[in-house]
Amino acid sequence: MPDRPTAPELVEAVAEFLGNEVLPLMTDHRMKFRTLVALNALGIAHRELTGDPARDDAEELLRQVRERGADPALLPELKRHVAAKLEISNPRYLEGELHGP
């Protein structure tokens, strides 16, 4: 049984503190921006820590692209790979056109 708090819980707690207690008190625009950047980084870290590591096998996909070139049959797998990356880096982007079949 892992110790508590877990890494994702720690990241989430820091993000909540910055977002709910520190950010509202900021008046300096530069520091507000930097705090928002930090919150975004913490969001990425949290998604990395809580994501499914088995869902993304980039090395195998890269091997297939190298062997087969621009094979249209690889397009669905490439889209899944990009979507998995976006789930971590910027999930809101998936609300656009990339999040298709």
PDB file of N, CA and C in Angstrom:
ATOM      1  N   MET A   1       0.845  -1.173   0.000  1.00  0.00           N
ATOM      2  CA  MET A   1       0.000   0.000   0.000  1.00  0.00           C
ATOM      3  C   MET A   1       0.893   1.238   0.000  1.00  0.00           C
ATOM      4  N   PRO A   2       0.680   2.134  -0.963  1.00  0.00           N
ATOM      5  CA  PRO A   2       1.541   3.311  -1.044  1.00  0.00           C
ATOM      6  C   PRO A   2       1.266   4.286   0.102  1.00  0.00           C
ATOM      7  N   ASP A   3       2.309   5.042   0.415  1.00  0.00           N
ATOM      8  CA  ASP A   3       2.158   6.068   1.441  1.00  0.00           C
ATOM      9  C   ASP A   3       1.204   7.148   0.967  1.00  0.00           C
ATOM     10  N   ARG A   4       0.578   7.798   1.929  1.00  0.00           N
ATOM     11  CA  ARG A   4      -0.338   8.888   1.624  1.00  0.00           C
ATOM     12  C   ARG A   4       0.251  10.167   2.152  1.00  0.00           C
ATOM     13  N   PRO A   5       0.149  11.261   1.492  1.00  0.00           N
ATOM     14  CA  PRO A   5      -0.500  11.413   0.200  1.00  0.00           C
ATOM     15  C   PRO A   5       0.368  10.886  -0.938  1.00  0.00           C
ATOM     16  N   THR A   6      -0.289  10.443  -1.984  1.00  0.00           N
ATOM     17  CA  THR A   6       0.407   9.950  -3.166  1.00  0.00           C
ATOM     18  C   THR A   6       0.915  11.138  -3.982  1.00  0.00           C
ATOM     19  N   ALA A   7       1.763  10.870  -4.953  1.00  0.00           N
ATOM     20  CA  ALA A   7       2.292  11.941  -5.806  1.00  0.00           C
ATOM     21  C   ALA A   7       1.165  12.703  -6.511  1.00  0.00           C
ATOM     22  N   PRO A   8       0.179  12.023  -7.109  1.00  0.00           N
ATOM     23  CA  PRO A   8      -0.915  12.776  -7.733  1.00  0.00           C
ATOM     24  C   PRO A   8      -1.689  13.632  -6.737  1.00  0.00           C
ATOM     25  N   GLU A   9      -1.869  13.112  -5.512  1.00  0.00           N
ATOM     26  CA  GLU A   9      -2.575  13.893  -4.496  1.00  0.00           C
ATOM     27  C   GLU A   9      -1.783  15.133  -4.097  1.00  0.00           C
ATOM     28  N   LEU A  10      -0.469  15.009  -4.003  1.00  0.00           N
ATOM     29  CA  LEU A  10       0.373  16.156  -3.684  1.00  0.00           C
ATOM     30  C   LEU A  10       0.302  17.219  -4.773  1.00  0.00           C
ATOM     31  N   VAL A  11       0.407  16.784  -6.010  1.00  0.00           N
ATOM     32  CA  VAL A  11       0.338  17.716  -7.139  1.00  0.00           C
ATOM     33  C   VAL A  11      -1.015  18.423  -7.147  1.00  0.00           C
ATOM     34  N   GLU A  12      -2.065  17.666  -6.933  1.00  0.00           N
ATOM     35  CA  GLU A  12      -3.407  18.243  -6.918  1.00  0.00           C
ATOM     36  C   GLU A  12      -3.574  19.246  -5.774  1.00  0.00           C
ATOM     37  N   ALA A  13      -3.023  18.935  -4.608  1.00  0.00           N
ATOM     38  CA  ALA A  13      -3.128  19.836  -3.459  1.00  0.00           C
ATOM     39  C   ALA A  13      -2.406  21.156  -3.725  1.00  0.00           C
ATOM     40  N   VAL A  14      -1.224  21.085  -4.326  1.00  0.00           N
ATOM     41  CA  VAL A  14      -0.479  22.307  -4.638  1.00  0.00           C
ATOM     42  C   VAL A  14      -1.235  23.129  -5.679  1.00  0.00           C
ATOM     43  N   ALA A  15      -1.793  22.464  -6.683  1.00  0.00           N
ATOM     44  CA  ALA A  15      -2.560  23.174  -7.709  1.00  0.00           C
ATOM     45  C   ALA A  15      -3.785  23.859  -7.107  1.00  0.00           C
ATOM     46  N   GLU A  16      -4.473  23.166  -6.220  1.00  0.00           N
ATOM     47  CA  GLU A  16      -5.640  23.774  -5.568  1.00  0.00           C
ATOM     48  C   GLU A  16      -5.241  24.974  -4.718  1.00  0.00           C
ATOM     49  N   PHE A  17      -4.130  24.861  -4.002  1.00  0.00           N
ATOM     50  CA  PHE A  17      -3.648  25.971  -3.191  1.00  0.00           C
ATOM     51  C   PHE A  17      -3.315  27.183  -4.066  1.00  0.00           C
ATOM     52  N   LEU A  18      -2.555  26.945  -5.131  1.00  0.00           N
ATOM     53  CA  LEU A  18      -2.188  28.059  -6.011  1.00  0.00           C
ATOM     54  C   LEU A  18      -3.413  28.671  -6.683  1.00  0.00           C
ATOM     55  N   GLY A  19      -4.294  27.828  -7.173  1.00  0.00           N
ATOM     56  CA  GLY A  19      -5.457  28.314  -7.906  1.00  0.00           C
ATOM     57  C   GLY A  19      -6.515  28.968  -7.040  1.00  0.00           C
ATOM     58  N   ASN A  20      -6.732  28.426  -5.852  1.00  0.00           N
ATOM     59  CA  ASN A  20      -7.824  28.917  -5.005  1.00  0.00           C
ATOM     60  C   ASN A  20      -7.403  29.955  -3.970  1.00  0.00           C
ATOM     61  N   GLU A  21      -6.131  29.897  -3.532  1.00  0.00           N
ATOM     62  CA  GLU A  21      -5.716  30.808  -2.466  1.00  0.00           C
ATOM     63  C   GLU A  21      -4.687  31.842  -2.900  1.00  0.00           C
ATOM     64  N   VAL A  22      -3.745  31.453  -3.746  1.00  0.00           N
ATOM     65  CA  VAL A  22      -2.683  32.384  -4.141  1.00  0.00           C
ATOM     66  C   VAL A  22      -3.109  33.245  -5.330  1.00  0.00           C
ATOM     67  N   LEU A  23      -3.592  32.626  -6.376  1.00  0.00           N
ATOM     68  CA  LEU A  23      -3.934  33.360  -7.600  1.00  0.00           C
ATOM     69  C   LEU A  23      -4.933  34.498  -7.374  1.00  0.00           C
ATOM     70  N   PRO A  24      -5.995  34.298  -6.593  1.00  0.00           N
ATOM     71  CA  PRO A  24      -6.942  35.397  -6.394  1.00  0.00           C
ATOM     72  C   PRO A  24      -6.334  36.627  -5.697  1.00  0.00           C
ATOM     73  N   LEU A  25      -5.241  36.445  -4.972  1.00  0.00           N
ATOM     74  CA  LEU A  25      -4.612  37.551  -4.255  1.00  0.00           C
ATOM     75  C   LEU A  25      -3.575  38.301  -5.095  1.00  0.00           C
ATOM     76  N   MET A  26      -3.241  37.748  -6.248  1.00  0.00           N
ATOM     77  CA  MET A  26      -2.191  38.336  -7.086  1.00  0.00           C
ATOM     78  C   MET A  26      -2.676  39.619  -7.757  1.00  0.00           C
ATOM     79  N   THR A  27      -1.837  40.638  -7.689  1.00  0.00           N
ATOM     80  CA  THR A  27      -2.130  41.888  -8.396  1.00  0.00           C
ATOM     81  C   THR A  27      -1.101  42.154  -9.483  1.00  0.00           C
ATOM     82  N   ASP A  28       0.081  41.593  -9.334  1.00  0.00           N
ATOM     83  CA  ASP A  28       1.145  41.750 -10.330  1.00  0.00           C
ATOM     84  C   ASP A  28       0.831  40.832 -11.519  1.00  0.00           C
ATOM     85  N   HIS A  29       0.643  41.416 -12.699  1.00  0.00           N
ATOM     86  CA  HIS A  29       0.244  40.636 -13.878  1.00  0.00           C
ATOM     87  C   HIS A  29       1.297  39.599 -14.266  1.00  0.00           C
ATOM     88  N   ARG A  30       2.557  39.955 -14.089  1.00  0.00           N
ATOM     89  CA  ARG A  30       3.626  39.011 -14.435  1.00  0.00           C
ATOM     90  C   ARG A  30       3.569  37.793 -13.513  1.00  0.00           C
ATOM     91  N   MET A  31       3.405  38.017 -12.224  1.00  0.00           N
ATOM     92  CA  MET A  31       3.332  36.900 -11.280  1.00  0.00           C
ATOM     93  C   MET A  31       2.050  36.088 -11.478  1.00  0.00           C
ATOM     94  N   LYS A  32       0.972  36.758 -11.835  1.00  0.00           N
ATOM     95  CA  LYS A  32      -0.281  36.049 -12.111  1.00  0.00           C
ATOM     96  C   LYS A  32      -0.084  35.107 -13.304  1.00  0.00           C
ATOM     97  N   PHE A  33       0.551  35.615 -14.361  1.00  0.00           N
ATOM     98  CA  PHE A  33       0.822  34.797 -15.541  1.00  0.00           C
ATOM     99  C   PHE A  33       1.710  33.609 -15.180  1.00  0.00           C
ATOM    100  N   ARG A  34       2.764  33.869 -14.420  1.00  0.00           N
ATOM    101  CA  ARG A  34       3.681  32.792 -14.042  1.00  0.00           C
ATOM    102  C   ARG A  34       2.986  31.750 -13.171  1.00  0.00           C
ATOM    103  N   THR A  35       2.066  32.181 -12.341  1.00  0.00           N
ATOM    104  CA  THR A  35       1.304  31.241 -11.520  1.00  0.00           C
ATOM    105  C   THR A  35       0.384  30.398 -12.397  1.00  0.00           C
ATOM    106  N   LEU A  36      -0.219  31.016 -13.407  1.00  0.00           N
ATOM    107  CA  LEU A  36      -1.054  30.254 -14.345  1.00  0.00           C
ATOM    108  C   LEU A  36      -0.231  29.235 -15.118  1.00  0.00           C
ATOM    109  N   VAL A  37       0.995  29.606 -15.492  1.00  0.00           N
ATOM    110  CA  VAL A  37       1.891  28.666 -16.170  1.00  0.00           C
ATOM    111  C   VAL A  37       2.209  27.496 -15.236  1.00  0.00           C
ATOM    112  N   ALA A  38       2.472  27.808 -13.967  1.00  0.00           N
ATOM    113  CA  ALA A  38       2.751  26.751 -12.988  1.00  0.00           C
ATOM    114  C   ALA A  38       1.544  25.828 -12.812  1.00  0.00           C
ATOM    115  N   LEU A  39       0.342  26.417 -12.775  1.00  0.00           N
ATOM    116  CA  LEU A  39      -0.871  25.603 -12.658  1.00  0.00           C
ATOM    117  C   LEU A  39      -1.038  24.687 -13.865  1.00  0.00           C
ATOM    118  N   ASN A  40      -0.734  25.194 -15.044  1.00  0.00           N
ATOM    119  CA  ASN A  40      -0.807  24.366 -16.250  1.00  0.00           C
ATOM    120  C   ASN A  40       0.198  23.213 -16.163  1.00  0.00           C
ATOM    121  N   ALA A  41       1.421  23.511 -15.714  1.00  0.00           N
ATOM    122  CA  ALA A  41       2.439  22.468 -15.574  1.00  0.00           C
ATOM    123  C   ALA A  41       2.008  21.413 -14.555  1.00  0.00           C
ATOM    124  N   LEU A  42       1.404  21.853 -13.465  1.00  0.00           N
ATOM    125  CA  LEU A  42       0.917  20.900 -12.469  1.00  0.00           C
ATOM    126  C   LEU A  42      -0.210  20.037 -13.035  1.00  0.00           C
ATOM    127  N   GLY A  43      -1.053  20.620 -13.874  1.00  0.00           N
ATOM    128  CA  GLY A  43      -2.109  19.841 -14.521  1.00  0.00           C
ATOM    129  C   GLY A  43      -1.538  18.758 -15.418  1.00  0.00           C
ATOM    130  N   ILE A  44      -0.498  19.106 -16.173  1.00  0.00           N
ATOM    131  CA  ILE A  44       0.165  18.122 -17.036  1.00  0.00           C
ATOM    132  C   ILE A  44       0.784  17.019 -16.181  1.00  0.00           C
ATOM    133  N   ALA A  45       1.485  17.415 -15.115  1.00  0.00           N
ATOM    134  CA  ALA A  45       2.110  16.422 -14.239  1.00  0.00           C
ATOM    135  C   ALA A  45       1.073  15.490 -13.624  1.00  0.00           C
ATOM    136  N   HIS A  46      -0.057  16.049 -13.204  1.00  0.00           N
ATOM    137  CA  HIS A  46      -1.116  15.221 -12.607  1.00  0.00           C
ATOM    138  C   HIS A  46      -1.651  14.217 -13.625  1.00  0.00           C
ATOM    139  N   ARG A  47      -1.888  14.678 -14.855  1.00  0.00           N
ATOM    140  CA  ARG A  47      -2.387  13.760 -15.885  1.00  0.00           C
ATOM    141  C   ARG A  47      -1.346  12.707 -16.239  1.00  0.00           C
ATOM    142  N   GLU A  48      -0.068  13.073 -16.230  1.00  0.00           N
ATOM    143  CA  GLU A  48       1.005  12.097 -16.473  1.00  0.00           C
ATOM    144  C   GLU A  48       1.004  11.022 -15.382  1.00  0.00           C
ATOM    145  N   LEU A  49       0.869  11.471 -14.150  1.00  0.00           N
ATOM    146  CA  LEU A  49       0.926  10.542 -13.022  1.00  0.00           C
ATOM    147  C   LEU A  49      -0.287   9.623 -12.946  1.00  0.00           C
ATOM    148  N   THR A  50      -1.429  10.091 -13.417  1.00  0.00           N
ATOM    149  CA  THR A  50      -2.651   9.294 -13.292  1.00  0.00           C
ATOM    150  C   THR A  50      -3.047   8.609 -14.595  1.00  0.00           C
ATOM    151  N   GLY A  51      -2.266   8.824 -15.659  1.00  0.00           N
ATOM    152  CA  GLY A  51      -2.591   8.225 -16.951  1.00  0.00           C
ATOM    153  C   GLY A  51      -2.254   6.751 -17.000  1.00  0.00           C
ATOM    154  N   ASP A  52      -2.709   6.121 -18.047  1.00  0.00           N
ATOM    155  CA  ASP A  52      -2.464   4.697 -18.263  1.00  0.00           C
ATOM    156  C   ASP A  52      -1.209   4.542 -19.113  1.00  0.00           C
ATOM    157  N   PRO A  53      -0.087   4.090 -18.534  1.00  0.00           N
ATOM    158  CA  PRO A  53       1.156   3.995 -19.300  1.00  0.00           C
ATOM    159  C   PRO A  53       1.098   2.965 -20.423  1.00  0.00           C
ATOM    160  N   ALA A  54       0.189   2.015 -20.353  1.00  0.00           N
ATOM    161  CA  ALA A  54       0.111   0.979 -21.381  1.00  0.00           C
ATOM    162  C   ALA A  54      -0.619   1.448 -22.633  1.00  0.00           C
ATOM    163  N   ARG A  55      -1.283   2.600 -22.580  1.00  0.00           N
ATOM    164  CA  ARG A  55      -2.091   3.022 -23.724  1.00  0.00           C
ATOM    165  C   ARG A  55      -1.274   3.586 -24.870  1.00  0.00           C
ATOM    166  N   ASP A  56       0.002   3.832 -24.642  1.00  0.00           N
ATOM    167  CA  ASP A  56       0.783   4.542 -25.636  1.00  0.00           C
ATOM    168  C   ASP A  56       2.106   3.835 -25.883  1.00  0.00           C
ATOM    169  N   ASP A  57       2.227   3.169 -27.013  1.00  0.00           N
ATOM    170  CA  ASP A  57       3.462   2.482 -27.346  1.00  0.00           C
ATOM    171  C   ASP A  57       4.099   3.197 -28.529  1.00  0.00           C
ATOM    172  N   ALA A  58       4.747   4.316 -28.244  1.00  0.00           N
ATOM    173  CA  ALA A  58       5.297   5.174 -29.286  1.00  0.00           C
ATOM    174  C   ALA A  58       6.417   4.497 -30.067  1.00  0.00           C
ATOM    175  N   GLU A  59       7.226   3.698 -29.403  1.00  0.00           N
ATOM    176  CA  GLU A  59       8.346   3.054 -30.098  1.00  0.00           C
ATOM    177  C   GLU A  59       7.856   2.105 -31.196  1.00  0.00           C
ATOM    178  N   GLU A  60       6.822   1.342 -30.893  1.00  0.00           N
ATOM    179  CA  GLU A  60       6.271   0.427 -31.902  1.00  0.00           C
ATOM    180  C   GLU A  60       5.664   1.192 -33.061  1.00  0.00           C
ATOM    181  N   LEU A  61       4.969   2.260 -32.762  1.00  0.00           N
ATOM    182  CA  LEU A  61       4.377   3.080 -33.814  1.00  0.00           C
ATOM    183  C   LEU A  61       5.474   3.692 -34.686  1.00  0.00           C
ATOM    184  N   LEU A  62       6.518   4.191 -34.063  1.00  0.00           N
ATOM    185  CA  LEU A  62       7.638   4.768 -34.810  1.00  0.00           C
ATOM    186  C   LEU A  62       8.272   3.719 -35.724  1.00  0.00           C
ATOM    187  N   ARG A  63       8.434   2.502 -35.222  1.00  0.00           N
ATOM    188  CA  ARG A  63       8.996   1.419 -36.037  1.00  0.00           C
ATOM    189  C   ARG A  63       8.130   1.152 -37.261  1.00  0.00           C
ATOM    190  N   GLN A  64       6.814   1.128 -37.053  1.00  0.00           N
ATOM    191  CA  GLN A  64       5.904   0.884 -38.168  1.00  0.00           C
ATOM    192  C   GLN A  64       5.968   2.001 -39.202  1.00  0.00           C
ATOM    193  N   VAL A  65       6.051   3.230 -38.761  1.00  0.00           N
ATOM    194  CA  VAL A  65       6.138   4.355 -39.695  1.00  0.00           C
ATOM    195  C   VAL A  65       7.438   4.279 -40.479  1.00  0.00           C
ATOM    196  N   ARG A  66       8.524   3.945 -39.808  1.00  0.00           N
ATOM    197  CA  ARG A  66       9.813   3.821 -40.501  1.00  0.00           C
ATOM    198  C   ARG A  66       9.777   2.706 -41.542  1.00  0.00           C
ATOM    199  N   GLU A  67       9.135   1.601 -41.205  1.00  0.00           N
ATOM    200  CA  GLU A  67       9.075   0.462 -42.122  1.00  0.00           C
ATOM    201  C   GLU A  67       8.099   0.689 -43.271  1.00  0.00           C
ATOM    202  N   ARG A  68       6.955   1.273 -42.963  1.00  0.00           N
ATOM    203  CA  ARG A  68       5.874   1.356 -43.951  1.00  0.00           C
ATOM    204  C   ARG A  68       5.727   2.730 -44.584  1.00  0.00           C
ATOM    205  N   GLY A  69       6.419   3.719 -44.053  1.00  0.00           N
ATOM    206  CA  GLY A  69       6.322   5.063 -44.618  1.00  0.00           C
ATOM    207  C   GLY A  69       4.948   5.660 -44.371  1.00  0.00           C
ATOM    208  N   ALA A  70       4.480   6.432 -45.324  1.00  0.00           N
ATOM    209  CA  ALA A  70       3.200   7.142 -45.194  1.00  0.00           C
ATOM    210  C   ALA A  70       2.041   6.222 -45.555  1.00  0.00           C
ATOM    211  N   ASP A  71       1.930   5.119 -44.868  1.00  0.00           N
ATOM    212  CA  ASP A  71       0.869   4.141 -45.097  1.00  0.00           C
ATOM    213  C   ASP A  71      -0.439   4.670 -44.495  1.00  0.00           C
ATOM    214  N   PRO A  72      -1.467   4.882 -45.325  1.00  0.00           N
ATOM    215  CA  PRO A  72      -2.738   5.392 -44.805  1.00  0.00           C
ATOM    216  C   PRO A  72      -3.362   4.490 -43.738  1.00  0.00           C
ATOM    217  N   ALA A  73      -3.004   3.221 -43.726  1.00  0.00           N
ATOM    218  CA  ALA A  73      -3.546   2.308 -42.725  1.00  0.00           C
ATOM    219  C   ALA A  73      -3.047   2.650 -41.323  1.00  0.00           C
ATOM    220  N   LEU A  74      -1.947   3.390 -41.231  1.00  0.00           N
ATOM    221  CA  LEU A  74      -1.418   3.787 -39.929  1.00  0.00           C
ATOM    222  C   LEU A  74      -2.110   5.026 -39.365  1.00  0.00           C
ATOM    223  N   LEU A  75      -2.866   5.720 -40.169  1.00  0.00           N
ATOM    224  CA  LEU A  75      -3.480   6.971 -39.741  1.00  0.00           C
ATOM    225  C   LEU A  75      -4.340   6.830 -38.479  1.00  0.00           C
ATOM    226  N   PRO A  76      -5.205   5.831 -38.369  1.00  0.00           N
ATOM    227  CA  PRO A  76      -5.997   5.714 -37.124  1.00  0.00           C
ATOM    228  C   PRO A  76      -5.118   5.563 -35.876  1.00  0.00           C
ATOM    229  N   GLU A  77      -4.047   4.779 -36.002  1.00  0.00           N
ATOM    230  CA  GLU A  77      -3.155   4.596 -34.849  1.00  0.00           C
ATOM    231  C   GLU A  77      -2.397   5.883 -34.534  1.00  0.00           C
ATOM    232  N   LEU A  78      -1.992   6.606 -35.565  1.00  0.00           N
ATOM    233  CA  LEU A  78      -1.327   7.893 -35.348  1.00  0.00           C
ATOM    234  C   LEU A  78      -2.264   8.887 -34.671  1.00  0.00           C
ATOM    235  N   LYS A  79      -3.528   8.895 -35.080  1.00  0.00           N
ATOM    236  CA  LYS A  79      -4.509   9.777 -34.441  1.00  0.00           C
ATOM    237  C   LYS A  79      -4.708   9.402 -32.979  1.00  0.00           C
ATOM    238  N   ARG A  80      -4.755   8.097 -32.682  1.00  0.00           N
ATOM    239  CA  ARG A  80      -4.897   7.660 -31.289  1.00  0.00           C
ATOM    240  C   ARG A  80      -3.680   8.081 -30.465  1.00  0.00           C
ATOM    241  N   HIS A  81      -2.496   7.977 -31.084  1.00  0.00           N
ATOM    242  CA  HIS A  81      -1.266   8.366 -30.394  1.00  0.00           C
ATOM    243  C   HIS A  81      -1.280   9.867 -30.060  1.00  0.00           C
ATOM    244  N   VAL A  82      -1.634  10.676 -31.041  1.00  0.00           N
ATOM    245  CA  VAL A  82      -1.688  12.131 -30.819  1.00  0.00           C
ATOM    246  C   VAL A  82      -2.756  12.471 -29.778  1.00  0.00           C
ATOM    247  N   ALA A  83      -3.911  11.814 -29.859  1.00  0.00           N
ATOM    248  CA  ALA A  83      -4.976  12.065 -28.880  1.00  0.00           C
ATOM    249  C   ALA A  83      -4.527  11.694 -27.471  1.00  0.00           C
ATOM    250  N   ALA A  84      -3.777  10.603 -27.324  1.00  0.00           N
ATOM    251  CA  ALA A  84      -3.274  10.203 -26.005  1.00  0.00           C
ATOM    252  C   ALA A  84      -2.314  11.255 -25.453  1.00  0.00           C
ATOM    253  N   LYS A  85      -1.477  11.804 -26.331  1.00  0.00           N
ATOM    254  CA  LYS A  85      -0.554  12.857 -25.902  1.00  0.00           C
ATOM    255  C   LYS A  85      -1.316  14.109 -25.500  1.00  0.00           C
ATOM    256  N   LEU A  86      -2.340  14.447 -26.268  1.00  0.00           N
ATOM    257  CA  LEU A  86      -3.126  15.637 -25.959  1.00  0.00           C
ATOM    258  C   LEU A  86      -3.939  15.473 -24.682  1.00  0.00           C
ATOM    259  N   GLU A  87      -4.348  14.254 -24.372  1.00  0.00           N
ATOM    260  CA  GLU A  87      -5.064  14.002 -23.111  1.00  0.00           C
ATOM    261  C   GLU A  87      -4.219  14.453 -21.932  1.00  0.00           C
ATOM    262  N   ILE A  88      -2.902  14.382 -22.095  1.00  0.00           N
ATOM    263  CA  ILE A  88      -1.996  14.785 -21.024  1.00  0.00           C
ATOM    264  C   ILE A  88      -1.638  16.259 -21.134  1.00  0.00           C
ATOM    265  N   SER A  89      -1.216  16.690 -22.317  1.00  0.00           N
ATOM    266  CA  SER A  89      -0.698  18.052 -22.434  1.00  0.00           C
ATOM    267  C   SER A  89      -1.771  19.122 -22.511  1.00  0.00           C
ATOM    268  N   ASN A  90      -2.882  18.851 -23.203  1.00  0.00           N
ATOM    269  CA  ASN A  90      -3.923  19.870 -23.358  1.00  0.00           C
ATOM    270  C   ASN A  90      -5.243  19.199 -23.723  1.00  0.00           C
ATOM    271  N   PRO A  91      -5.935  18.609 -22.754  1.00  0.00           N
ATOM    272  CA  PRO A  91      -7.162  17.865 -23.048  1.00  0.00           C
ATOM    273  C   PRO A  91      -8.255  18.718 -23.692  1.00  0.00           C
ATOM    274  N   ARG A  92      -8.242  20.017 -23.446  1.00  0.00           N
ATOM    275  CA  ARG A  92      -9.272  20.885 -24.050  1.00  0.00           C
ATOM    276  C   ARG A  92      -9.152  20.914 -25.565  1.00  0.00           C
ATOM    277  N   TYR A  93      -7.957  20.682 -26.104  1.00  0.00           N
ATOM    278  CA  TYR A  93      -7.771  20.677 -27.551  1.00  0.00           C
ATOM    279  C   TYR A  93      -8.574  19.560 -28.203  1.00  0.00           C
ATOM    280  N   LEU A  94      -8.802  18.495 -27.465  1.00  0.00           N
ATOM    281  CA  LEU A  94      -9.536  17.354 -28.018  1.00  0.00           C
ATOM    282  C   LEU A  94     -11.005  17.670 -28.257  1.00  0.00           C
ATOM    283  N   GLU A  95     -11.471  18.768 -27.726  1.00  0.00           N
ATOM    284  CA  GLU A  95     -12.856  19.169 -27.988  1.00  0.00           C
ATOM    285  C   GLU A  95     -13.015  19.633 -29.430  1.00  0.00           C
ATOM    286  N   GLY A  96     -11.884  19.827 -30.127  1.00  0.00           N
ATOM    287  CA  GLY A  96     -11.902  20.234 -31.537  1.00  0.00           C
ATOM    288  C   GLY A  96     -12.052  19.040 -32.457  1.00  0.00           C
ATOM    289  N   GLU A  97     -11.549  19.154 -33.656  1.00  0.00           N
ATOM    290  CA  GLU A  97     -11.781  18.171 -34.709  1.00  0.00           C
ATOM    291  C   GLU A  97     -10.945  16.912 -34.599  1.00  0.00           C
ATOM    292  N   LEU A  98      -9.831  16.932 -33.855  1.00  0.00           N
ATOM    293  CA  LEU A  98      -8.967  15.760 -33.785  1.00  0.00           C
ATOM    294  C   LEU A  98      -9.637  14.599 -33.080  1.00  0.00           C
ATOM    295  N   HIS A  99     -10.567  14.874 -32.197  1.00  0.00           N
ATOM    296  CA  HIS A  99     -11.177  13.823 -31.383  1.00  0.00           C
ATOM    297  C   HIS A  99     -12.242  13.067 -32.155  1.00  0.00           C
ATOM    298  N   GLY A 100     -11.859  12.524 -33.291  1.00  0.00           N
ATOM    299  CA  GLY A 100     -12.779  11.737 -34.096  1.00  0.00           C
ATOM    300  C   GLY A 100     -12.362  10.287 -34.080  1.00  0.00           C
ATOM    301  N   PRO A 101     -13.014   9.487 -34.904  1.00  0.00           N
ATOM    302  CA  PRO A 101     -12.695   8.057 -34.938  1.00  0.00           C
ATOM    303  C   PRO A 101     -11.322   7.773 -35.480  1.00  0.00           C
TER     304      PRO A 101
END
